[in-house]
Amino acid sequence: MLLFNRAGASCAGRTLSRWLLPLLLLAWAASACSPTFNWREWRSEGTPLLALMPCKPESAARPVPLGGTPTTLHMHSCDTGGLTFAVAWAELPNAARAPEALAQWRGAALAAIRLAPALALDPQTQWVAKVPGADAAQGLMAQGTTHDNRPVQMHAVHFSRGNQIYQAAVYGSRMPEAEKSTFFDGLRLP
């Protein structure tokens, strides 16, 4: 009986070792295929905007006053690698209201990180932003705090085409250049 148990254990050991290495390699390969930033092209229904998102965004819509009129704001965001990536858009009844609405939105973006909305006019908070196909684009960057008083950096671009206005933003305690550039360079209005 002892011989049988040793032989069985020896056989089981060879079987286990025969399957263990392939299983470990499979687990390693699976983890290598799920990077923190899994960039994919993304489009929101109702707008021609194309964006690169590093994760699958969640969506919501709510009414907001932009450009002097109640407007439905469509929001899409996801969190990965300690960063929040967000794209939002709204359709105004009149394209002539886009500059005013974008100015209000820039101020609201600063207020959301507990900064004075008037800072949107400060040249130190602005950066040159380009979105192919947009009529106008303005970059905004600032460091503020979250609702629970943690430091947060925000880089955003506000842009328009016709009567649709947009915001694309990245929020985080740090702002890695590679991920920020990939996100903003991936925006386009075909």
N, C-alpha and C. Protein backbone atom coordinates (compact mmCIF):
# COMPACT_ATOMS: atom_id res chain seq x y z
N MET A 1 0.80 -1.18 0.00
CA MET A 1 0.00 0.00 0.00
C MET A 1 0.85 1.25 0.00
N LEU A 2 1.95 1.22 0.77
CA LEU A 2 2.85 2.34 0.83
C LEU A 2 3.47 2.59 -0.54
N LEU A 3 3.83 1.55 -1.25
CA LEU A 3 4.38 1.67 -2.59
C LEU A 3 3.37 2.34 -3.51
N PHE A 4 2.11 1.97 -3.41
CA PHE A 4 1.06 2.55 -4.25
C PHE A 4 0.92 4.06 -3.96
N ASN A 5 0.95 4.42 -2.69
CA ASN A 5 0.81 5.83 -2.33
C ASN A 5 1.99 6.64 -2.84
N ARG A 6 3.21 6.10 -2.72
CA ARG A 6 4.38 6.81 -3.23
C ARG A 6 4.30 6.93 -4.75
N ALA A 7 3.91 5.88 -5.39
CA ALA A 7 3.80 5.92 -6.85
C ALA A 7 2.72 6.88 -7.28
N GLY A 8 1.60 6.86 -6.56
CA GLY A 8 0.51 7.78 -6.89
C GLY A 8 0.92 9.22 -6.66
N ALA A 9 1.64 9.47 -5.57
CA ALA A 9 2.10 10.83 -5.28
C ALA A 9 3.12 11.26 -6.32
N SER A 10 3.98 10.34 -6.73
CA SER A 10 4.98 10.67 -7.74
C SER A 10 4.30 11.00 -9.06
N CYS A 11 3.33 10.21 -9.43
CA CYS A 11 2.58 10.44 -10.67
C CYS A 11 1.82 11.76 -10.59
N ALA A 12 1.20 12.01 -9.44
CA ALA A 12 0.45 13.26 -9.26
C ALA A 12 1.40 14.44 -9.32
N GLY A 13 2.60 14.31 -8.77
CA GLY A 13 3.58 15.38 -8.82
C GLY A 13 4.00 15.70 -10.24
N ARG A 14 4.21 14.66 -11.07
CA ARG A 14 4.58 14.90 -12.47
C ARG A 14 3.42 15.54 -13.21
N THR A 15 2.20 15.10 -12.94
CA THR A 15 1.03 15.68 -13.60
C THR A 15 0.87 17.15 -13.21
N LEU A 16 1.04 17.42 -11.91
CA LEU A 16 0.91 18.79 -11.42
C LEU A 16 1.98 19.68 -12.04
N SER A 17 3.24 19.19 -12.07
CA SER A 17 4.31 20.02 -12.62
C SER A 17 4.13 20.20 -14.13
N ARG A 18 3.54 19.22 -14.79
CA ARG A 18 3.30 19.31 -16.23
C ARG A 18 2.27 20.41 -16.53
N TRP A 19 1.31 20.63 -15.64
CA TRP A 19 0.26 21.63 -15.85
C TRP A 19 0.55 22.96 -15.16
N LEU A 20 1.41 22.96 -14.15
CA LEU A 20 1.66 24.16 -13.38
C LEU A 20 2.34 25.24 -14.22
N LEU A 21 3.39 24.89 -14.95
CA LEU A 21 4.11 25.88 -15.75
C LEU A 21 3.19 26.49 -16.82
N PRO A 22 2.46 25.70 -17.60
CA PRO A 22 1.55 26.32 -18.57
C PRO A 22 0.48 27.20 -17.91
N LEU A 23 -0.03 26.79 -16.75
CA LEU A 23 -1.02 27.61 -16.06
C LEU A 23 -0.42 28.94 -15.59
N LEU A 24 0.79 28.88 -15.06
CA LEU A 24 1.46 30.11 -14.64
C LEU A 24 1.72 31.03 -15.83
N LEU A 25 2.15 30.46 -16.95
CA LEU A 25 2.38 31.27 -18.16
C LEU A 25 1.08 31.88 -18.67
N LEU A 26 0.00 31.13 -18.61
CA LEU A 26 -1.30 31.64 -19.03
C LEU A 26 -1.76 32.79 -18.13
N ALA A 27 -1.58 32.64 -16.82
CA ALA A 27 -1.95 33.70 -15.89
C ALA A 27 -1.12 34.95 -16.14
N TRP A 28 0.18 34.79 -16.38
CA TRP A 28 1.04 35.93 -16.67
C TRP A 28 0.62 36.62 -17.96
N ALA A 29 0.32 35.84 -18.99
CA ALA A 29 -0.10 36.41 -20.27
C ALA A 29 -1.42 37.15 -20.13
N ALA A 30 -2.33 36.61 -19.36
CA ALA A 30 -3.63 37.27 -19.16
C ALA A 30 -3.44 38.60 -18.44
N SER A 31 -2.55 38.65 -17.46
CA SER A 31 -2.33 39.91 -16.76
C SER A 31 -1.61 40.90 -17.66
N ALA A 32 -0.77 40.44 -18.57
CA ALA A 32 -0.08 41.32 -19.50
C ALA A 32 -1.05 41.90 -20.52
N CYS A 33 -2.15 41.24 -20.77
CA CYS A 33 -3.13 41.71 -21.75
C CYS A 33 -4.14 42.68 -21.15
N SER A 34 -4.06 43.00 -19.88
CA SER A 34 -5.01 43.93 -19.29
C SER A 34 -4.25 45.10 -18.67
N PRO A 35 -3.73 46.01 -19.53
CA PRO A 35 -2.95 47.13 -19.02
C PRO A 35 -3.84 48.12 -18.26
N THR A 36 -3.20 48.94 -17.47
CA THR A 36 -3.92 49.97 -16.72
C THR A 36 -4.63 50.92 -17.68
N PHE A 37 -3.92 51.34 -18.73
CA PHE A 37 -4.49 52.25 -19.72
C PHE A 37 -4.74 51.46 -21.00
N ASN A 38 -5.97 51.02 -21.17
CA ASN A 38 -6.39 50.22 -22.32
C ASN A 38 -7.10 51.15 -23.29
N TRP A 39 -6.33 51.91 -24.08
CA TRP A 39 -6.88 52.95 -24.95
C TRP A 39 -7.76 52.34 -26.04
N ARG A 40 -8.91 52.98 -26.24
CA ARG A 40 -9.85 52.56 -27.27
C ARG A 40 -10.55 53.79 -27.83
N GLU A 41 -10.91 53.72 -29.11
CA GLU A 41 -11.67 54.82 -29.71
C GLU A 41 -13.10 54.76 -29.19
N TRP A 42 -13.65 55.92 -28.88
CA TRP A 42 -14.97 55.98 -28.26
C TRP A 42 -15.75 57.14 -28.88
N ARG A 43 -17.05 56.94 -29.03
CA ARG A 43 -17.94 57.98 -29.55
C ARG A 43 -19.24 57.95 -28.76
N SER A 44 -19.71 59.15 -28.42
CA SER A 44 -20.99 59.29 -27.73
C SER A 44 -22.10 59.43 -28.75
N GLU A 45 -23.20 58.76 -28.51
CA GLU A 45 -24.35 58.89 -29.39
C GLU A 45 -24.86 60.33 -29.34
N GLY A 46 -25.18 60.89 -30.51
CA GLY A 46 -25.72 62.24 -30.57
C GLY A 46 -24.70 63.31 -30.93
N THR A 47 -23.44 62.93 -31.04
CA THR A 47 -22.39 63.89 -31.39
C THR A 47 -21.35 63.20 -32.26
N PRO A 48 -20.70 63.95 -33.15
CA PRO A 48 -19.67 63.33 -33.99
C PRO A 48 -18.32 63.20 -33.29
N LEU A 49 -18.18 63.68 -32.05
CA LEU A 49 -16.90 63.66 -31.36
C LEU A 49 -16.34 62.25 -31.24
N LEU A 50 -15.07 62.10 -31.61
CA LEU A 50 -14.33 60.86 -31.39
C LEU A 50 -13.28 61.16 -30.33
N ALA A 51 -13.09 60.23 -29.42
CA ALA A 51 -12.10 60.40 -28.36
C ALA A 51 -11.40 59.08 -28.12
N LEU A 52 -10.22 59.14 -27.55
CA LEU A 52 -9.54 57.94 -27.07
C LEU A 52 -9.75 57.90 -25.57
N MET A 53 -10.31 56.82 -25.08
CA MET A 53 -10.54 56.66 -23.65
C MET A 53 -9.70 55.49 -23.17
N PRO A 54 -9.09 55.61 -21.97
CA PRO A 54 -8.21 54.55 -21.47
C PRO A 54 -8.95 53.43 -20.74
N CYS A 55 -10.27 53.57 -20.63
CA CYS A 55 -11.09 52.58 -19.95
C CYS A 55 -12.53 52.80 -20.42
N LYS A 56 -13.40 51.85 -20.13
CA LYS A 56 -14.79 51.96 -20.58
C LYS A 56 -15.52 53.00 -19.72
N PRO A 57 -16.02 54.07 -20.36
CA PRO A 57 -16.66 55.13 -19.57
C PRO A 57 -18.08 54.79 -19.14
N GLU A 58 -18.45 55.33 -17.99
CA GLU A 58 -19.84 55.32 -17.53
C GLU A 58 -20.47 56.60 -18.04
N SER A 59 -21.78 56.59 -18.25
CA SER A 59 -22.46 57.75 -18.82
C SER A 59 -23.61 58.21 -17.94
N ALA A 60 -23.87 59.51 -18.02
CA ALA A 60 -25.00 60.12 -17.31
C ALA A 60 -25.39 61.38 -18.05
N ALA A 61 -26.58 61.86 -17.80
CA ALA A 61 -27.05 63.12 -18.38
C ALA A 61 -27.84 63.86 -17.31
N ARG A 62 -27.73 65.20 -17.34
CA ARG A 62 -28.49 66.00 -16.39
C ARG A 62 -28.70 67.40 -16.96
N PRO A 63 -29.75 68.07 -16.54
CA PRO A 63 -29.98 69.44 -17.02
C PRO A 63 -29.08 70.44 -16.27
N VAL A 64 -28.51 71.38 -17.02
CA VAL A 64 -27.68 72.44 -16.45
C VAL A 64 -27.98 73.75 -17.19
N PRO A 65 -27.78 74.89 -16.53
CA PRO A 65 -27.96 76.16 -17.23
C PRO A 65 -26.64 76.56 -17.92
N LEU A 66 -26.59 76.47 -19.22
CA LEU A 66 -25.41 76.89 -19.98
C LEU A 66 -25.85 77.85 -21.07
N GLY A 67 -25.13 78.94 -21.21
CA GLY A 67 -25.46 79.89 -22.26
C GLY A 67 -26.81 80.55 -22.06
N GLY A 68 -27.26 80.64 -20.80
CA GLY A 68 -28.51 81.31 -20.50
C GLY A 68 -29.76 80.50 -20.72
N THR A 69 -29.61 79.19 -20.94
CA THR A 69 -30.79 78.36 -21.17
C THR A 69 -30.56 76.97 -20.56
N PRO A 70 -31.63 76.33 -20.08
CA PRO A 70 -31.45 74.95 -19.58
C PRO A 70 -31.01 74.03 -20.72
N THR A 71 -30.00 73.25 -20.45
CA THR A 71 -29.39 72.40 -21.46
C THR A 71 -29.11 71.03 -20.86
N THR A 72 -29.24 69.98 -21.65
CA THR A 72 -28.88 68.63 -21.18
C THR A 72 -27.39 68.42 -21.38
N LEU A 73 -26.70 68.14 -20.29
CA LEU A 73 -25.28 67.87 -20.32
C LEU A 73 -25.08 66.35 -20.31
N HIS A 74 -24.39 65.84 -21.32
CA HIS A 74 -24.09 64.41 -21.44
C HIS A 74 -22.67 64.20 -20.93
N MET A 75 -22.51 63.37 -19.90
CA MET A 75 -21.21 63.17 -19.27
C MET A 75 -20.78 61.71 -19.38
N HIS A 76 -19.50 61.53 -19.64
CA HIS A 76 -18.92 60.19 -19.79
C HIS A 76 -17.55 60.21 -19.11
N SER A 77 -17.33 59.30 -18.18
CA SER A 77 -16.03 59.30 -17.48
C SER A 77 -15.66 57.89 -17.03
N CYS A 78 -14.35 57.74 -16.81
CA CYS A 78 -13.84 56.49 -16.26
C CYS A 78 -12.59 56.80 -15.44
N ASP A 79 -12.28 55.90 -14.51
CA ASP A 79 -11.14 56.03 -13.62
C ASP A 79 -10.18 54.88 -13.85
N THR A 80 -8.90 55.21 -14.02
CA THR A 80 -7.87 54.19 -14.12
C THR A 80 -6.52 54.81 -13.79
N GLY A 81 -5.65 54.04 -13.20
CA GLY A 81 -4.31 54.50 -12.90
C GLY A 81 -4.25 55.73 -12.01
N GLY A 82 -5.25 55.90 -11.15
CA GLY A 82 -5.28 57.06 -10.27
C GLY A 82 -5.75 58.35 -10.93
N LEU A 83 -6.26 58.25 -12.15
CA LEU A 83 -6.74 59.41 -12.90
C LEU A 83 -8.20 59.24 -13.29
N THR A 84 -8.88 60.35 -13.44
CA THR A 84 -10.24 60.36 -13.98
C THR A 84 -10.20 61.04 -15.33
N PHE A 85 -10.73 60.37 -16.35
CA PHE A 85 -10.82 60.90 -17.70
C PHE A 85 -12.30 61.17 -17.97
N ALA A 86 -12.61 62.38 -18.42
CA ALA A 86 -14.02 62.75 -18.62
C ALA A 86 -14.21 63.49 -19.93
N VAL A 87 -15.31 63.18 -20.58
CA VAL A 87 -15.75 63.90 -21.78
C VAL A 87 -17.21 64.25 -21.56
N ALA A 88 -17.56 65.51 -21.82
CA ALA A 88 -18.95 65.94 -21.67
C ALA A 88 -19.30 66.82 -22.86
N TRP A 89 -20.58 66.84 -23.19
CA TRP A 89 -21.01 67.69 -24.29
C TRP A 89 -22.47 68.11 -24.08
N ALA A 90 -22.82 69.19 -24.74
CA ALA A 90 -24.19 69.70 -24.70
C ALA A 90 -24.50 70.33 -26.04
N GLU A 91 -25.78 70.35 -26.34
CA GLU A 91 -26.24 70.98 -27.58
C GLU A 91 -27.04 72.22 -27.22
N LEU A 92 -26.59 73.37 -27.71
CA LEU A 92 -27.26 74.63 -27.45
C LEU A 92 -28.31 74.89 -28.53
N PRO A 93 -29.34 75.66 -28.21
CA PRO A 93 -30.34 75.96 -29.24
C PRO A 93 -29.80 76.88 -30.33
N ASN A 94 -28.69 77.60 -30.02
CA ASN A 94 -28.17 78.58 -30.95
C ASN A 94 -26.65 78.58 -30.86
N ALA A 95 -25.97 78.44 -32.00
CA ALA A 95 -24.50 78.40 -32.02
C ALA A 95 -23.89 79.72 -31.54
N ALA A 96 -24.61 80.83 -31.67
CA ALA A 96 -24.09 82.13 -31.23
C ALA A 96 -23.86 82.17 -29.72
N ARG A 97 -24.49 81.27 -28.97
CA ARG A 97 -24.33 81.23 -27.51
C ARG A 97 -23.13 80.39 -27.07
N ALA A 98 -22.45 79.75 -27.99
CA ALA A 98 -21.34 78.86 -27.65
C ALA A 98 -20.22 79.57 -26.88
N PRO A 99 -19.73 80.76 -27.32
CA PRO A 99 -18.64 81.39 -26.55
C PRO A 99 -19.03 81.70 -25.10
N GLU A 100 -20.21 82.20 -24.88
CA GLU A 100 -20.68 82.49 -23.51
C GLU A 100 -20.81 81.20 -22.69
N ALA A 101 -21.37 80.17 -23.29
CA ALA A 101 -21.54 78.90 -22.58
C ALA A 101 -20.19 78.28 -22.24
N LEU A 102 -19.23 78.35 -23.16
CA LEU A 102 -17.90 77.80 -22.88
C LEU A 102 -17.20 78.56 -21.76
N ALA A 103 -17.36 79.89 -21.73
CA ALA A 103 -16.78 80.69 -20.65
C ALA A 103 -17.38 80.31 -19.30
N GLN A 104 -18.71 80.11 -19.27
CA GLN A 104 -19.37 79.67 -18.03
C GLN A 104 -18.85 78.29 -17.61
N TRP A 105 -18.68 77.41 -18.57
CA TRP A 105 -18.23 76.05 -18.29
C TRP A 105 -16.82 76.04 -17.74
N ARG A 106 -15.93 76.88 -18.30
CA ARG A 106 -14.56 76.96 -17.77
C ARG A 106 -14.59 77.43 -16.32
N GLY A 107 -15.41 78.43 -16.02
CA GLY A 107 -15.54 78.89 -14.64
C GLY A 107 -16.08 77.81 -13.72
N ALA A 108 -17.07 77.06 -14.19
CA ALA A 108 -17.64 75.96 -13.39
C ALA A 108 -16.62 74.86 -13.16
N ALA A 109 -15.75 74.60 -14.15
CA ALA A 109 -14.72 73.57 -13.99
C ALA A 109 -13.75 73.96 -12.88
N LEU A 110 -13.42 75.24 -12.79
CA LEU A 110 -12.54 75.71 -11.71
C LEU A 110 -13.26 75.66 -10.37
N ALA A 111 -14.51 76.06 -10.34
CA ALA A 111 -15.29 76.02 -9.09
C ALA A 111 -15.40 74.59 -8.57
N ALA A 112 -15.45 73.61 -9.46
CA ALA A 112 -15.56 72.21 -9.06
C ALA A 112 -14.32 71.73 -8.30
N ILE A 113 -13.18 72.38 -8.52
CA ILE A 113 -11.97 72.03 -7.76
C ILE A 113 -11.63 73.15 -6.77
N ARG A 114 -12.66 73.86 -6.35
CA ARG A 114 -12.59 74.87 -5.29
C ARG A 114 -11.66 76.03 -5.60
N LEU A 115 -11.73 76.51 -6.84
CA LEU A 115 -10.99 77.70 -7.25
C LEU A 115 -11.98 78.74 -7.75
N ALA A 116 -11.56 80.00 -7.75
CA ALA A 116 -12.42 81.09 -8.22
C ALA A 116 -12.63 80.96 -9.72
N PRO A 117 -13.88 81.03 -10.17
CA PRO A 117 -14.16 80.94 -11.61
C PRO A 117 -13.43 81.99 -12.44
N ALA A 118 -13.15 83.15 -11.86
CA ALA A 118 -12.47 84.22 -12.59
C ALA A 118 -11.06 83.82 -13.03
N LEU A 119 -10.47 82.79 -12.39
CA LEU A 119 -9.14 82.33 -12.79
C LEU A 119 -9.12 81.79 -14.22
N ALA A 120 -10.26 81.51 -14.78
CA ALA A 120 -10.31 81.02 -16.17
C ALA A 120 -9.74 82.06 -17.13
N LEU A 121 -9.73 83.33 -16.73
CA LEU A 121 -9.19 84.39 -17.58
C LEU A 121 -7.69 84.61 -17.36
N ASP A 122 -7.11 84.01 -16.34
CA ASP A 122 -5.70 84.15 -16.02
C ASP A 122 -4.86 83.39 -17.04
N PRO A 123 -3.92 84.06 -17.70
CA PRO A 123 -3.08 83.38 -18.70
C PRO A 123 -2.33 82.17 -18.13
N GLN A 124 -2.05 82.16 -16.82
CA GLN A 124 -1.33 81.03 -16.23
C GLN A 124 -2.19 79.76 -16.14
N THR A 125 -3.50 79.88 -16.29
CA THR A 125 -4.36 78.70 -16.26
C THR A 125 -4.68 78.21 -17.67
N GLN A 126 -4.19 78.90 -18.68
CA GLN A 126 -4.54 78.56 -20.06
C GLN A 126 -3.39 77.84 -20.75
N TRP A 127 -3.75 76.97 -21.65
CA TRP A 127 -2.76 76.33 -22.51
C TRP A 127 -3.34 76.23 -23.92
N VAL A 128 -2.45 76.18 -24.90
CA VAL A 128 -2.87 76.13 -26.30
C VAL A 128 -3.40 74.74 -26.59
N ALA A 129 -4.66 74.68 -26.93
CA ALA A 129 -5.32 73.40 -27.21
C ALA A 129 -5.84 73.41 -28.64
N LYS A 130 -5.73 72.28 -29.29
CA LYS A 130 -6.25 72.14 -30.65
C LYS A 130 -7.05 70.85 -30.71
N VAL A 131 -8.24 70.95 -31.27
CA VAL A 131 -9.08 69.78 -31.51
C VAL A 131 -9.46 69.82 -32.99
N PRO A 132 -8.94 68.89 -33.80
CA PRO A 132 -9.27 68.90 -35.22
C PRO A 132 -10.79 68.88 -35.44
N GLY A 133 -11.25 69.83 -36.27
CA GLY A 133 -12.67 69.93 -36.59
C GLY A 133 -13.44 70.88 -35.70
N ALA A 134 -12.83 71.39 -34.63
CA ALA A 134 -13.52 72.31 -33.72
C ALA A 134 -13.46 73.74 -34.27
N ASP A 135 -14.51 74.51 -34.01
CA ASP A 135 -14.54 75.92 -34.39
C ASP A 135 -13.60 76.73 -33.48
N ALA A 136 -13.56 76.39 -32.20
CA ALA A 136 -12.74 77.08 -31.22
C ALA A 136 -12.36 76.09 -30.13
N ALA A 137 -11.17 76.29 -29.53
CA ALA A 137 -10.73 75.43 -28.42
C ALA A 137 -9.88 76.24 -27.46
N GLN A 138 -10.05 76.00 -26.18
CA GLN A 138 -9.29 76.69 -25.14
C GLN A 138 -8.89 75.69 -24.06
N GLY A 139 -7.61 75.60 -23.77
CA GLY A 139 -7.12 74.72 -22.72
C GLY A 139 -7.17 75.41 -21.37
N LEU A 140 -7.41 74.62 -20.33
CA LEU A 140 -7.49 75.13 -18.96
C LEU A 140 -6.76 74.14 -18.05
N MET A 141 -5.89 74.66 -17.17
CA MET A 141 -5.19 73.79 -16.23
C MET A 141 -5.09 74.50 -14.89
N ALA A 142 -5.24 73.73 -13.84
CA ALA A 142 -5.18 74.32 -12.51
C ALA A 142 -4.99 73.22 -11.48
N GLN A 143 -4.55 73.64 -10.31
CA GLN A 143 -4.45 72.71 -9.18
C GLN A 143 -5.35 73.25 -8.08
N GLY A 144 -6.27 72.41 -7.63
CA GLY A 144 -7.20 72.78 -6.58
C GLY A 144 -7.35 71.66 -5.58
N THR A 145 -8.55 71.53 -5.03
CA THR A 145 -8.81 70.45 -4.07
C THR A 145 -10.14 69.80 -4.40
N THR A 146 -10.25 68.54 -4.00
CA THR A 146 -11.50 67.80 -4.18
C THR A 146 -12.48 68.20 -3.09
N HIS A 147 -13.69 67.67 -3.15
CA HIS A 147 -14.71 67.95 -2.14
C HIS A 147 -14.28 67.51 -0.74
N ASP A 148 -13.34 66.55 -0.66
CA ASP A 148 -12.85 66.11 0.65
C ASP A 148 -11.44 66.65 0.94
N ASN A 149 -11.12 67.79 0.31
CA ASN A 149 -9.89 68.56 0.56
C ASN A 149 -8.58 67.86 0.19
N ARG A 150 -8.63 66.95 -0.77
CA ARG A 150 -7.39 66.36 -1.27
C ARG A 150 -6.92 67.16 -2.48
N PRO A 151 -5.60 67.35 -2.65
CA PRO A 151 -5.11 68.09 -3.82
C PRO A 151 -5.45 67.35 -5.11
N VAL A 152 -5.82 68.12 -6.12
CA VAL A 152 -6.14 67.55 -7.42
C VAL A 152 -5.67 68.50 -8.52
N GLN A 153 -5.11 67.92 -9.58
CA GLN A 153 -4.76 68.68 -10.77
C GLN A 153 -5.84 68.43 -11.82
N MET A 154 -6.10 69.46 -12.61
CA MET A 154 -7.06 69.33 -13.69
C MET A 154 -6.45 69.92 -14.96
N HIS A 155 -6.53 69.17 -16.02
CA HIS A 155 -6.20 69.68 -17.35
C HIS A 155 -7.45 69.43 -18.19
N ALA A 156 -7.93 70.48 -18.84
CA ALA A 156 -9.17 70.36 -19.61
C ALA A 156 -9.05 71.16 -20.90
N VAL A 157 -9.86 70.79 -21.85
CA VAL A 157 -10.02 71.58 -23.06
C VAL A 157 -11.52 71.76 -23.27
N HIS A 158 -11.91 73.00 -23.54
CA HIS A 158 -13.31 73.34 -23.83
C HIS A 158 -13.34 73.76 -25.29
N PHE A 159 -14.27 73.20 -26.05
CA PHE A 159 -14.29 73.48 -27.48
C PHE A 159 -15.71 73.40 -28.01
N SER A 160 -15.87 73.86 -29.25
CA SER A 160 -17.21 73.87 -29.84
C SER A 160 -17.13 73.61 -31.34
N ARG A 161 -18.26 73.17 -31.85
CA ARG A 161 -18.48 73.12 -33.30
C ARG A 161 -19.97 73.33 -33.50
N GLY A 162 -20.29 74.40 -34.20
CA GLY A 162 -21.70 74.73 -34.39
C GLY A 162 -22.35 75.00 -33.06
N ASN A 163 -23.47 74.34 -32.82
CA ASN A 163 -24.19 74.56 -31.56
C ASN A 163 -23.87 73.50 -30.50
N GLN A 164 -22.87 72.65 -30.76
CA GLN A 164 -22.46 71.67 -29.74
C GLN A 164 -21.19 72.17 -29.05
N ILE A 165 -21.19 72.08 -27.72
CA ILE A 165 -20.04 72.48 -26.92
C ILE A 165 -19.54 71.27 -26.14
N TYR A 166 -18.24 71.27 -25.84
CA TYR A 166 -17.60 70.08 -25.27
C TYR A 166 -16.61 70.46 -24.17
N GLN A 167 -16.39 69.51 -23.28
CA GLN A 167 -15.27 69.57 -22.33
C GLN A 167 -14.65 68.18 -22.29
N ALA A 168 -13.33 68.13 -22.39
CA ALA A 168 -12.59 66.89 -22.15
C ALA A 168 -11.59 67.22 -21.06
N ALA A 169 -11.51 66.38 -20.02
CA ALA A 169 -10.67 66.72 -18.87
C ALA A 169 -10.04 65.48 -18.26
N VAL A 170 -8.89 65.71 -17.63
CA VAL A 170 -8.19 64.69 -16.85
C VAL A 170 -7.99 65.27 -15.46
N TYR A 171 -8.32 64.47 -14.44
CA TYR A 171 -8.16 64.88 -13.04
C TYR A 171 -7.30 63.84 -12.32
N GLY A 172 -6.41 64.32 -11.44
CA GLY A 172 -5.61 63.39 -10.65
C GLY A 172 -4.67 64.11 -9.72
N SER A 173 -4.12 63.39 -8.76
CA SER A 173 -3.17 63.98 -7.83
C SER A 173 -1.83 64.22 -8.53
N ARG A 174 -1.61 63.52 -9.62
CA ARG A 174 -0.44 63.72 -10.47
C ARG A 174 -0.94 63.73 -11.91
N MET A 175 -0.15 64.26 -12.84
CA MET A 175 -0.59 64.38 -14.22
C MET A 175 0.49 63.85 -15.16
N PRO A 176 0.51 62.53 -15.40
CA PRO A 176 1.53 61.95 -16.29
C PRO A 176 1.37 62.48 -17.71
N GLU A 177 2.46 62.96 -18.26
CA GLU A 177 2.44 63.59 -19.58
C GLU A 177 1.98 62.63 -20.68
N ALA A 178 2.43 61.38 -20.65
CA ALA A 178 2.08 60.43 -21.72
C ALA A 178 0.58 60.20 -21.80
N GLU A 179 -0.06 59.94 -20.66
CA GLU A 179 -1.50 59.66 -20.66
C GLU A 179 -2.30 60.92 -21.00
N LYS A 180 -1.86 62.05 -20.48
CA LYS A 180 -2.54 63.33 -20.78
C LYS A 180 -2.47 63.62 -22.28
N SER A 181 -1.29 63.47 -22.87
CA SER A 181 -1.13 63.73 -24.30
C SER A 181 -1.94 62.77 -25.15
N THR A 182 -1.92 61.49 -24.80
CA THR A 182 -2.70 60.50 -25.56
C THR A 182 -4.19 60.87 -25.55
N PHE A 183 -4.69 61.24 -24.39
CA PHE A 183 -6.11 61.59 -24.26
C PHE A 183 -6.45 62.83 -25.10
N PHE A 184 -5.71 63.92 -24.94
CA PHE A 184 -6.05 65.15 -25.66
C PHE A 184 -5.76 65.05 -27.15
N ASP A 185 -4.69 64.34 -27.52
CA ASP A 185 -4.38 64.17 -28.94
C ASP A 185 -5.40 63.28 -29.65
N GLY A 186 -6.15 62.48 -28.89
CA GLY A 186 -7.15 61.58 -29.46
C GLY A 186 -8.50 62.22 -29.73
N LEU A 187 -8.67 63.49 -29.36
CA LEU A 187 -9.95 64.18 -29.59
C LEU A 187 -10.03 64.69 -31.02
N ARG A 188 -11.16 64.46 -31.67
CA ARG A 188 -11.37 65.01 -33.01
C ARG A 188 -12.85 65.02 -33.37
N LEU A 189 -13.19 65.99 -34.19
CA LEU A 189 -14.56 66.13 -34.71
C LEU A 189 -14.50 65.92 -36.22
N PRO A 190 -14.73 64.70 -36.68
CA PRO A 190 -14.62 64.43 -38.12
C PRO A 190 -15.73 65.11 -38.92
